[in-house]
Amino acid sequence: MRLKTLFILGSIGFILSAWTSIETVSSDKIHWVTLEEADKLRQKEPRKILIDVYTDWCGWCKRMDATTFHDPKLVEYVNKNYYAVKLDAEQKEPISIGGKTYEYDPNVGRRGVHKIAEELLQGKMSYPTIVFLDEHMNMIQPLPGYRDAKEMQPILEYLATEAYKSTPWEEWLKNHEG
């Protein structure tokens, strides 16, 4: 009887373990990393960086998380072509990038702001803002405001394929097949 119980428990454990692995492989979520992790990853495998600059109190940020960043096509595209970073513009922890440490400044605005968020948003503190950096962490474009998946998908493709370097947005969008 004891052996049978162990066998059943072992089988259940194996099935749960396999199910968890399958679920992880076929993730329907964006793989978010910290800015420091994105910096290290892009040095090994260059990719552009997408930074979602948000705050905990921002309703449109929460809506974008719940809708745009859960669209299966968008999730797949981001995970394949970008390092995705979530950056709380009011976080208190320091961030060190490229030998420079950025701190939270409680004296900016009503709630304070992290200096790296202020730099990325070029002083225009608007949430949500998606900031795009190239493979060398140079600014491509900050994109303020809520975007649904249908609007965001072509933007992601335009920037990831580097079409922005040779083709104006309006012209590219007219010929876009997505």
N, C-alpha and C. Protein backbone atom coordinates (compact mmCIF):
# COMPACT_ATOMS: atom_id res chain seq x y z
N MET A 1 0.82 -1.20 0.00
CA MET A 1 0.00 0.00 0.00
C MET A 1 0.87 1.26 0.00
N ARG A 2 1.92 1.24 0.80
CA ARG A 2 2.80 2.39 0.91
C ARG A 2 3.52 2.66 -0.42
N LEU A 3 3.96 1.64 -1.09
CA LEU A 3 4.63 1.76 -2.38
C LEU A 3 3.70 2.36 -3.43
N LYS A 4 2.43 1.93 -3.40
CA LYS A 4 1.43 2.43 -4.34
C LYS A 4 1.21 3.94 -4.11
N THR A 5 1.14 4.36 -2.85
CA THR A 5 0.94 5.77 -2.52
C THR A 5 2.13 6.60 -3.00
N LEU A 6 3.34 6.10 -2.77
CA LEU A 6 4.53 6.81 -3.24
C LEU A 6 4.54 6.93 -4.76
N PHE A 7 4.14 5.87 -5.44
CA PHE A 7 4.09 5.87 -6.90
C PHE A 7 3.09 6.93 -7.40
N ILE A 8 1.92 6.99 -6.77
CA ILE A 8 0.89 7.94 -7.18
C ILE A 8 1.37 9.38 -6.94
N LEU A 9 1.94 9.62 -5.75
CA LEU A 9 2.45 10.96 -5.44
C LEU A 9 3.57 11.36 -6.39
N GLY A 10 4.46 10.42 -6.69
CA GLY A 10 5.55 10.68 -7.63
C GLY A 10 5.02 11.00 -9.02
N SER A 11 4.00 10.27 -9.45
CA SER A 11 3.41 10.51 -10.77
C SER A 11 2.77 11.88 -10.84
N ILE A 12 2.06 12.26 -9.78
CA ILE A 12 1.43 13.58 -9.74
C ILE A 12 2.50 14.67 -9.80
N GLY A 13 3.57 14.48 -9.03
CA GLY A 13 4.67 15.45 -9.04
C GLY A 13 5.28 15.59 -10.43
N PHE A 14 5.48 14.48 -11.12
CA PHE A 14 6.05 14.49 -12.47
C PHE A 14 5.13 15.24 -13.43
N ILE A 15 3.84 14.94 -13.36
CA ILE A 15 2.87 15.59 -14.25
C ILE A 15 2.84 17.09 -14.00
N LEU A 16 2.80 17.50 -12.72
CA LEU A 16 2.80 18.93 -12.40
C LEU A 16 4.08 19.61 -12.87
N SER A 17 5.20 18.94 -12.71
CA SER A 17 6.48 19.48 -13.15
C SER A 17 6.50 19.67 -14.67
N ALA A 18 6.02 18.68 -15.40
CA ALA A 18 5.97 18.76 -16.87
C ALA A 18 5.03 19.87 -17.30
N TRP A 19 3.87 19.97 -16.66
CA TRP A 19 2.90 20.99 -17.00
C TRP A 19 3.48 22.38 -16.78
N THR A 20 4.17 22.58 -15.67
CA THR A 20 4.80 23.87 -15.37
C THR A 20 5.84 24.22 -16.42
N SER A 21 6.63 23.23 -16.85
CA SER A 21 7.65 23.48 -17.88
C SER A 21 7.01 23.89 -19.20
N ILE A 22 5.94 23.21 -19.57
CA ILE A 22 5.25 23.53 -20.82
C ILE A 22 4.69 24.93 -20.74
N GLU A 23 4.09 25.28 -19.60
CA GLU A 23 3.52 26.59 -19.43
C GLU A 23 4.59 27.68 -19.54
N THR A 24 5.77 27.44 -19.00
CA THR A 24 6.86 28.40 -19.06
C THR A 24 7.34 28.60 -20.48
N VAL A 25 7.47 27.51 -21.24
CA VAL A 25 7.95 27.58 -22.62
C VAL A 25 6.96 28.36 -23.49
N SER A 26 5.68 28.11 -23.30
CA SER A 26 4.68 28.77 -24.14
C SER A 26 4.09 29.98 -23.41
N SER A 27 4.95 30.79 -22.85
CA SER A 27 4.52 31.94 -22.05
C SER A 27 3.77 32.94 -22.91
N ASP A 28 2.72 33.46 -22.35
CA ASP A 28 1.95 34.49 -23.04
C ASP A 28 2.20 35.85 -22.42
N LYS A 29 3.35 35.97 -21.75
CA LYS A 29 3.70 37.22 -21.09
C LYS A 29 5.02 37.76 -21.63
N ILE A 30 5.13 39.05 -21.59
CA ILE A 30 6.40 39.68 -21.96
C ILE A 30 7.42 39.33 -20.89
N HIS A 31 8.62 39.02 -21.33
CA HIS A 31 9.71 38.71 -20.40
C HIS A 31 10.36 40.03 -20.00
N TRP A 32 9.90 40.58 -18.88
CA TRP A 32 10.41 41.86 -18.39
C TRP A 32 11.71 41.64 -17.63
N VAL A 33 12.67 42.53 -17.84
CA VAL A 33 13.94 42.49 -17.12
C VAL A 33 14.21 43.89 -16.57
N THR A 34 15.19 44.00 -15.69
CA THR A 34 15.58 45.32 -15.19
C THR A 34 16.44 46.01 -16.25
N LEU A 35 16.64 47.28 -16.07
CA LEU A 35 17.48 48.03 -17.00
C LEU A 35 18.92 47.52 -16.96
N GLU A 36 19.40 47.19 -15.75
CA GLU A 36 20.75 46.64 -15.63
C GLU A 36 20.86 45.30 -16.35
N GLU A 37 19.84 44.46 -16.23
CA GLU A 37 19.85 43.16 -16.93
C GLU A 37 19.82 43.35 -18.44
N ALA A 38 19.00 44.29 -18.91
CA ALA A 38 18.93 44.56 -20.35
C ALA A 38 20.28 45.02 -20.88
N ASP A 39 20.97 45.83 -20.10
CA ASP A 39 22.29 46.31 -20.50
C ASP A 39 23.26 45.13 -20.66
N LYS A 40 23.25 44.21 -19.72
CA LYS A 40 24.13 43.04 -19.81
C LYS A 40 23.73 42.12 -20.96
N LEU A 41 22.43 41.90 -21.13
CA LEU A 41 21.95 41.02 -22.20
C LEU A 41 22.29 41.56 -23.58
N ARG A 42 22.12 42.85 -23.78
CA ARG A 42 22.36 43.42 -25.10
C ARG A 42 23.84 43.41 -25.46
N GLN A 43 24.72 43.33 -24.47
CA GLN A 43 26.14 43.22 -24.75
C GLN A 43 26.50 41.84 -25.29
N LYS A 44 25.75 40.82 -24.87
CA LYS A 44 25.99 39.46 -25.35
C LYS A 44 25.24 39.18 -26.64
N GLU A 45 24.00 39.62 -26.71
CA GLU A 45 23.16 39.45 -27.90
C GLU A 45 22.46 40.77 -28.17
N PRO A 46 23.00 41.59 -29.08
CA PRO A 46 22.44 42.92 -29.31
C PRO A 46 20.98 42.88 -29.76
N ARG A 47 20.18 43.68 -29.08
CA ARG A 47 18.77 43.90 -29.42
C ARG A 47 18.42 45.31 -28.97
N LYS A 48 17.38 45.82 -29.55
CA LYS A 48 16.87 47.10 -29.08
C LYS A 48 16.20 46.89 -27.71
N ILE A 49 16.03 47.99 -27.00
CA ILE A 49 15.44 47.93 -25.66
C ILE A 49 14.16 48.77 -25.65
N LEU A 50 13.11 48.17 -25.13
CA LEU A 50 11.83 48.84 -24.94
C LEU A 50 11.68 49.06 -23.44
N ILE A 51 11.48 50.30 -23.03
CA ILE A 51 11.34 50.61 -21.60
C ILE A 51 9.95 51.19 -21.36
N ASP A 52 9.18 50.49 -20.55
CA ASP A 52 7.86 50.97 -20.14
C ASP A 52 8.05 51.79 -18.86
N VAL A 53 8.00 53.11 -19.00
CA VAL A 53 8.15 54.00 -17.84
C VAL A 53 6.74 54.26 -17.31
N TYR A 54 6.51 53.85 -16.07
CA TYR A 54 5.17 53.89 -15.47
C TYR A 54 5.26 54.38 -14.03
N THR A 55 4.09 54.53 -13.41
CA THR A 55 4.00 54.75 -11.96
C THR A 55 2.89 53.85 -11.43
N ASP A 56 2.93 53.59 -10.14
CA ASP A 56 1.92 52.73 -9.52
C ASP A 56 0.52 53.34 -9.54
N TRP A 57 0.42 54.66 -9.56
CA TRP A 57 -0.87 55.33 -9.49
C TRP A 57 -1.48 55.63 -10.86
N CYS A 58 -0.78 55.33 -11.93
CA CYS A 58 -1.21 55.68 -13.29
C CYS A 58 -2.24 54.68 -13.83
N GLY A 59 -3.46 55.13 -14.04
CA GLY A 59 -4.53 54.28 -14.56
C GLY A 59 -4.27 53.79 -15.97
N TRP A 60 -3.76 54.67 -16.84
CA TRP A 60 -3.48 54.27 -18.23
C TRP A 60 -2.32 53.27 -18.29
N CYS A 61 -1.38 53.39 -17.34
CA CYS A 61 -0.28 52.42 -17.27
C CYS A 61 -0.85 51.03 -16.96
N LYS A 62 -1.76 50.98 -16.00
CA LYS A 62 -2.38 49.71 -15.62
C LYS A 62 -3.20 49.13 -16.77
N ARG A 63 -3.89 49.99 -17.48
CA ARG A 63 -4.68 49.51 -18.63
C ARG A 63 -3.77 48.95 -19.73
N MET A 64 -2.66 49.64 -19.97
CA MET A 64 -1.72 49.17 -21.00
C MET A 64 -1.14 47.81 -20.60
N ASP A 65 -0.83 47.64 -19.31
CA ASP A 65 -0.36 46.34 -18.82
C ASP A 65 -1.39 45.25 -19.04
N ALA A 66 -2.65 45.57 -18.75
CA ALA A 66 -3.71 44.57 -18.81
C ALA A 66 -4.15 44.24 -20.24
N THR A 67 -3.94 45.15 -21.17
CA THR A 67 -4.42 44.93 -22.54
C THR A 67 -3.28 44.81 -23.54
N THR A 68 -2.64 45.92 -23.83
CA THR A 68 -1.59 45.96 -24.85
C THR A 68 -0.50 44.92 -24.60
N PHE A 69 0.02 44.89 -23.38
CA PHE A 69 1.14 44.01 -23.08
C PHE A 69 0.72 42.56 -22.82
N HIS A 70 -0.54 42.24 -23.11
CA HIS A 70 -1.01 40.85 -23.03
C HIS A 70 -1.52 40.35 -24.39
N ASP A 71 -1.42 41.18 -25.42
CA ASP A 71 -1.81 40.76 -26.75
C ASP A 71 -0.81 39.72 -27.25
N PRO A 72 -1.28 38.51 -27.61
CA PRO A 72 -0.35 37.42 -27.97
C PRO A 72 0.63 37.76 -29.09
N LYS A 73 0.17 38.42 -30.13
CA LYS A 73 1.05 38.77 -31.25
C LYS A 73 2.12 39.78 -30.80
N LEU A 74 1.69 40.77 -30.02
CA LEU A 74 2.62 41.78 -29.53
C LEU A 74 3.62 41.17 -28.57
N VAL A 75 3.15 40.31 -27.66
CA VAL A 75 4.03 39.65 -26.70
C VAL A 75 5.11 38.86 -27.42
N GLU A 76 4.71 38.09 -28.41
CA GLU A 76 5.66 37.28 -29.17
C GLU A 76 6.69 38.16 -29.87
N TYR A 77 6.24 39.26 -30.48
CA TYR A 77 7.14 40.14 -31.21
C TYR A 77 8.14 40.83 -30.26
N VAL A 78 7.64 41.33 -29.14
CA VAL A 78 8.52 41.99 -28.17
C VAL A 78 9.56 41.01 -27.65
N ASN A 79 9.12 39.82 -27.23
CA ASN A 79 10.05 38.84 -26.67
C ASN A 79 11.12 38.41 -27.68
N LYS A 80 10.79 38.42 -28.95
CA LYS A 80 11.74 38.00 -29.99
C LYS A 80 12.71 39.12 -30.40
N ASN A 81 12.25 40.36 -30.35
CA ASN A 81 13.03 41.46 -30.96
C ASN A 81 13.57 42.51 -29.99
N TYR A 82 13.11 42.50 -28.76
CA TYR A 82 13.50 43.54 -27.81
C TYR A 82 13.88 42.93 -26.47
N TYR A 83 14.61 43.71 -25.69
CA TYR A 83 14.71 43.46 -24.25
C TYR A 83 13.71 44.43 -23.65
N ALA A 84 12.74 43.91 -22.93
CA ALA A 84 11.66 44.72 -22.37
C ALA A 84 11.95 45.03 -20.91
N VAL A 85 11.85 46.30 -20.57
CA VAL A 85 12.15 46.77 -19.22
C VAL A 85 10.93 47.50 -18.66
N LYS A 86 10.60 47.20 -17.43
CA LYS A 86 9.59 47.96 -16.68
C LYS A 86 10.36 48.90 -15.76
N LEU A 87 10.08 50.18 -15.83
CA LEU A 87 10.78 51.14 -15.00
C LEU A 87 9.77 52.01 -14.26
N ASP A 88 9.68 51.82 -12.95
CA ASP A 88 8.83 52.66 -12.11
C ASP A 88 9.53 54.00 -11.97
N ALA A 89 8.93 55.04 -12.50
CA ALA A 89 9.55 56.37 -12.50
C ALA A 89 9.73 56.94 -11.09
N GLU A 90 9.10 56.30 -10.11
CA GLU A 90 9.21 56.79 -8.73
C GLU A 90 9.91 55.78 -7.82
N GLN A 91 10.59 54.81 -8.40
CA GLN A 91 11.26 53.81 -7.55
C GLN A 91 12.38 54.46 -6.76
N LYS A 92 12.62 53.94 -5.59
CA LYS A 92 13.61 54.53 -4.68
C LYS A 92 15.01 53.92 -4.83
N GLU A 93 15.09 52.70 -5.39
CA GLU A 93 16.38 52.01 -5.49
C GLU A 93 17.24 52.64 -6.58
N PRO A 94 18.55 52.78 -6.32
CA PRO A 94 19.46 53.32 -7.35
C PRO A 94 19.61 52.34 -8.52
N ILE A 95 19.92 52.90 -9.68
CA ILE A 95 20.16 52.10 -10.89
C ILE A 95 21.53 52.50 -11.43
N SER A 96 22.37 51.50 -11.68
CA SER A 96 23.71 51.77 -12.21
C SER A 96 23.82 51.23 -13.63
N ILE A 97 24.14 52.14 -14.55
CA ILE A 97 24.28 51.80 -15.97
C ILE A 97 25.51 52.51 -16.51
N GLY A 98 26.35 51.79 -17.22
CA GLY A 98 27.50 52.39 -17.87
C GLY A 98 28.40 53.19 -16.94
N GLY A 99 28.59 52.70 -15.74
CA GLY A 99 29.47 53.36 -14.79
C GLY A 99 28.85 54.56 -14.08
N LYS A 100 27.58 54.82 -14.35
CA LYS A 100 26.90 55.95 -13.71
C LYS A 100 25.75 55.41 -12.86
N THR A 101 25.58 55.97 -11.66
CA THR A 101 24.49 55.56 -10.78
C THR A 101 23.44 56.66 -10.74
N TYR A 102 22.20 56.26 -10.98
CA TYR A 102 21.07 57.18 -10.96
C TYR A 102 20.29 56.95 -9.66
N GLU A 103 19.83 58.03 -9.06
CA GLU A 103 19.14 57.98 -7.76
C GLU A 103 17.74 58.55 -7.88
N TYR A 104 16.94 58.27 -6.89
CA TYR A 104 15.62 58.86 -6.74
C TYR A 104 15.79 60.27 -6.17
N ASP A 105 15.05 61.23 -6.71
CA ASP A 105 15.10 62.60 -6.22
C ASP A 105 13.72 62.97 -5.68
N PRO A 106 13.58 63.06 -4.35
CA PRO A 106 12.27 63.36 -3.76
C PRO A 106 11.81 64.80 -3.99
N ASN A 107 12.69 65.65 -4.50
CA ASN A 107 12.37 67.07 -4.67
C ASN A 107 11.83 67.43 -6.05
N VAL A 108 11.63 66.45 -6.91
CA VAL A 108 11.11 66.72 -8.24
C VAL A 108 9.63 66.33 -8.27
N GLY A 109 8.78 67.26 -8.68
CA GLY A 109 7.35 66.99 -8.75
C GLY A 109 6.73 66.80 -7.37
N ARG A 110 5.50 66.32 -7.36
CA ARG A 110 4.79 66.11 -6.09
C ARG A 110 5.25 64.87 -5.36
N ARG A 111 5.64 63.84 -6.10
CA ARG A 111 5.97 62.55 -5.50
C ARG A 111 7.45 62.19 -5.61
N GLY A 112 8.23 63.03 -6.25
CA GLY A 112 9.62 62.69 -6.51
C GLY A 112 9.72 61.88 -7.80
N VAL A 113 10.94 61.72 -8.28
CA VAL A 113 11.15 60.98 -9.53
C VAL A 113 12.55 60.38 -9.52
N HIS A 114 12.67 59.27 -10.19
CA HIS A 114 13.99 58.66 -10.36
C HIS A 114 14.70 59.42 -11.48
N LYS A 115 15.96 59.74 -11.26
CA LYS A 115 16.70 60.56 -12.22
C LYS A 115 16.85 59.89 -13.58
N ILE A 116 16.91 58.55 -13.62
CA ILE A 116 17.03 57.90 -14.93
C ILE A 116 15.73 58.02 -15.72
N ALA A 117 14.60 58.01 -15.01
CA ALA A 117 13.31 58.21 -15.69
C ALA A 117 13.24 59.63 -16.24
N GLU A 118 13.69 60.58 -15.45
CA GLU A 118 13.69 61.97 -15.89
C GLU A 118 14.57 62.14 -17.13
N GLU A 119 15.71 61.48 -17.15
CA GLU A 119 16.61 61.57 -18.31
C GLU A 119 15.99 60.89 -19.54
N LEU A 120 15.44 59.70 -19.35
CA LEU A 120 14.84 58.97 -20.47
C LEU A 120 13.65 59.72 -21.07
N LEU A 121 12.87 60.39 -20.21
CA LEU A 121 11.70 61.11 -20.68
C LEU A 121 12.02 62.56 -21.05
N GLN A 122 13.31 62.89 -21.00
CA GLN A 122 13.80 64.21 -21.37
C GLN A 122 13.07 65.31 -20.59
N GLY A 123 12.79 65.01 -19.32
CA GLY A 123 12.15 65.98 -18.45
C GLY A 123 10.65 66.10 -18.61
N LYS A 124 10.07 65.43 -19.60
CA LYS A 124 8.63 65.49 -19.85
C LYS A 124 7.98 64.29 -19.17
N MET A 125 7.64 64.45 -17.90
CA MET A 125 7.17 63.35 -17.07
C MET A 125 5.71 63.04 -17.37
N SER A 126 5.50 62.10 -18.27
CA SER A 126 4.18 61.69 -18.72
C SER A 126 4.12 60.17 -18.69
N TYR A 127 3.04 59.63 -18.13
CA TYR A 127 2.94 58.18 -17.97
C TYR A 127 1.64 57.67 -18.58
N PRO A 128 1.70 56.52 -19.23
CA PRO A 128 2.90 55.76 -19.54
C PRO A 128 3.67 56.41 -20.69
N THR A 129 4.96 56.17 -20.72
CA THR A 129 5.79 56.51 -21.87
C THR A 129 6.65 55.29 -22.17
N ILE A 130 6.65 54.90 -23.43
CA ILE A 130 7.52 53.81 -23.88
C ILE A 130 8.74 54.45 -24.50
N VAL A 131 9.90 54.08 -24.00
CA VAL A 131 11.16 54.63 -24.51
C VAL A 131 11.86 53.51 -25.28
N PHE A 132 12.30 53.83 -26.48
CA PHE A 132 13.02 52.87 -27.31
C PHE A 132 14.49 53.27 -27.38
N LEU A 133 15.36 52.32 -27.07
CA LEU A 133 16.80 52.51 -27.19
C LEU A 133 17.34 51.54 -28.22
N ASP A 134 18.42 51.93 -28.90
CA ASP A 134 19.04 51.01 -29.86
C ASP A 134 19.93 50.01 -29.11
N GLU A 135 20.64 49.20 -29.86
CA GLU A 135 21.48 48.14 -29.29
C GLU A 135 22.64 48.67 -28.45
N HIS A 136 22.94 49.95 -28.60
CA HIS A 136 24.04 50.58 -27.86
C HIS A 136 23.52 51.49 -26.75
N MET A 137 22.25 51.38 -26.47
CA MET A 137 21.55 52.17 -25.45
C MET A 137 21.47 53.65 -25.79
N ASN A 138 21.46 53.95 -27.08
CA ASN A 138 21.23 55.32 -27.53
C ASN A 138 19.72 55.51 -27.74
N MET A 139 19.25 56.68 -27.44
CA MET A 139 17.84 56.99 -27.59
C MET A 139 17.40 56.92 -29.04
N ILE A 140 16.32 56.19 -29.29
CA ILE A 140 15.67 56.24 -30.59
C ILE A 140 14.49 57.18 -30.49
N GLN A 141 13.61 56.89 -29.51
CA GLN A 141 12.37 57.66 -29.42
C GLN A 141 11.65 57.40 -28.11
N PRO A 142 11.22 58.44 -27.40
CA PRO A 142 10.25 58.24 -26.33
C PRO A 142 8.85 58.37 -26.94
N LEU A 143 7.93 57.55 -26.52
CA LEU A 143 6.58 57.55 -27.08
C LEU A 143 5.58 57.67 -25.93
N PRO A 144 5.14 58.91 -25.62
CA PRO A 144 4.25 59.09 -24.48
C PRO A 144 2.81 58.68 -24.80
N GLY A 145 2.11 58.23 -23.76
CA GLY A 145 0.68 57.95 -23.87
C GLY A 145 0.34 56.49 -24.06
N TYR A 146 -0.91 56.20 -23.77
CA TYR A 146 -1.44 54.85 -23.92
C TYR A 146 -1.51 54.47 -25.40
N ARG A 147 -1.14 53.25 -25.70
CA ARG A 147 -1.26 52.70 -27.06
C ARG A 147 -1.86 51.31 -26.95
N ASP A 148 -2.87 51.03 -27.77
CA ASP A 148 -3.40 49.66 -27.78
C ASP A 148 -2.50 48.80 -28.67
N ALA A 149 -2.72 47.51 -28.64
CA ALA A 149 -1.85 46.58 -29.38
C ALA A 149 -1.87 46.85 -30.88
N LYS A 150 -3.03 47.17 -31.41
CA LYS A 150 -3.15 47.43 -32.86
C LYS A 150 -2.30 48.63 -33.28
N GLU A 151 -2.24 49.63 -32.44
CA GLU A 151 -1.43 50.82 -32.73
C GLU A 151 0.04 50.57 -32.44
N MET A 152 0.34 49.78 -31.40
CA MET A 152 1.72 49.56 -30.97
C MET A 152 2.48 48.62 -31.90
N GLN A 153 1.81 47.61 -32.45
CA GLN A 153 2.49 46.59 -33.26
C GLN A 153 3.29 47.18 -34.43
N PRO A 154 2.71 48.04 -35.25
CA PRO A 154 3.51 48.60 -36.35
C PRO A 154 4.67 49.47 -35.87
N ILE A 155 4.50 50.14 -34.74
CA ILE A 155 5.59 50.95 -34.19
C ILE A 155 6.77 50.05 -33.82
N LEU A 156 6.45 48.93 -33.15
CA LEU A 156 7.49 47.97 -32.77
C LEU A 156 8.24 47.47 -34.01
N GLU A 157 7.51 47.15 -35.06
CA GLU A 157 8.12 46.63 -36.28
C GLU A 157 8.95 47.70 -36.99
N TYR A 158 8.43 48.91 -37.05
CA TYR A 158 9.13 50.03 -37.69
C TYR A 158 10.49 50.26 -37.05
N LEU A 159 10.52 50.21 -35.73
CA LEU A 159 11.77 50.47 -35.01
C LEU A 159 12.70 49.25 -35.02
N ALA A 160 12.16 48.06 -34.82
CA ALA A 160 12.99 46.85 -34.76
C ALA A 160 13.67 46.57 -36.09
N THR A 161 12.99 46.84 -37.18
CA THR A 161 13.57 46.58 -38.51
C THR A 161 14.45 47.72 -39.01
N GLU A 162 14.55 48.78 -38.20
CA GLU A 162 15.35 49.96 -38.52
C GLU A 162 14.85 50.71 -39.74
N ALA A 163 13.59 50.53 -40.08
CA ALA A 163 13.00 51.28 -41.18
C ALA A 163 13.03 52.79 -40.91
N TYR A 164 13.03 53.15 -39.63
CA TYR A 164 13.06 54.56 -39.25
C TYR A 164 14.31 55.28 -39.74
N LYS A 165 15.35 54.52 -40.06
CA LYS A 165 16.60 55.14 -40.52
C LYS A 165 16.52 55.59 -41.97
N SER A 166 15.61 55.01 -42.75
CA SER A 166 15.57 55.33 -44.17
C SER A 166 14.20 55.75 -44.70
N THR A 167 13.13 55.46 -43.95
CA THR A 167 11.78 55.70 -44.47
C THR A 167 10.95 56.49 -43.46
N PRO A 168 10.36 57.59 -43.88
CA PRO A 168 9.48 58.33 -42.97
C PRO A 168 8.31 57.44 -42.51
N TRP A 169 7.89 57.66 -41.27
CA TRP A 169 6.84 56.84 -40.64
C TRP A 169 5.58 56.74 -41.51
N GLU A 170 5.07 57.86 -42.00
CA GLU A 170 3.82 57.87 -42.78
C GLU A 170 3.95 57.02 -44.04
N GLU A 171 5.09 57.15 -44.70
CA GLU A 171 5.32 56.37 -45.92
C GLU A 171 5.43 54.88 -45.59
N TRP A 172 6.17 54.56 -44.55
CA TRP A 172 6.32 53.16 -44.14
C TRP A 172 4.97 52.57 -43.76
N LEU A 173 4.17 53.31 -43.02
CA LEU A 173 2.88 52.82 -42.54
C LEU A 173 1.94 52.54 -43.69
N LYS A 174 1.98 53.38 -44.74
CA LYS A 174 1.12 53.15 -45.92
C LYS A 174 1.44 51.81 -46.58
N ASN A 175 2.73 51.44 -46.58
CA ASN A 175 3.16 50.21 -47.25
C ASN A 175 3.26 49.01 -46.31
N HIS A 176 2.94 49.21 -45.04
CA HIS A 176 3.06 48.15 -44.03
C HIS A 176 1.97 47.11 -44.24
N GLU A 177 2.37 45.85 -44.18
CA GLU A 177 1.43 44.76 -44.42
C GLU A 177 0.89 44.15 -43.14
N GLY A 178 1.41 44.55 -41.95
CA GLY A 178 1.00 43.95 -40.68
C GLY A 178 -0.43 44.13 -40.39
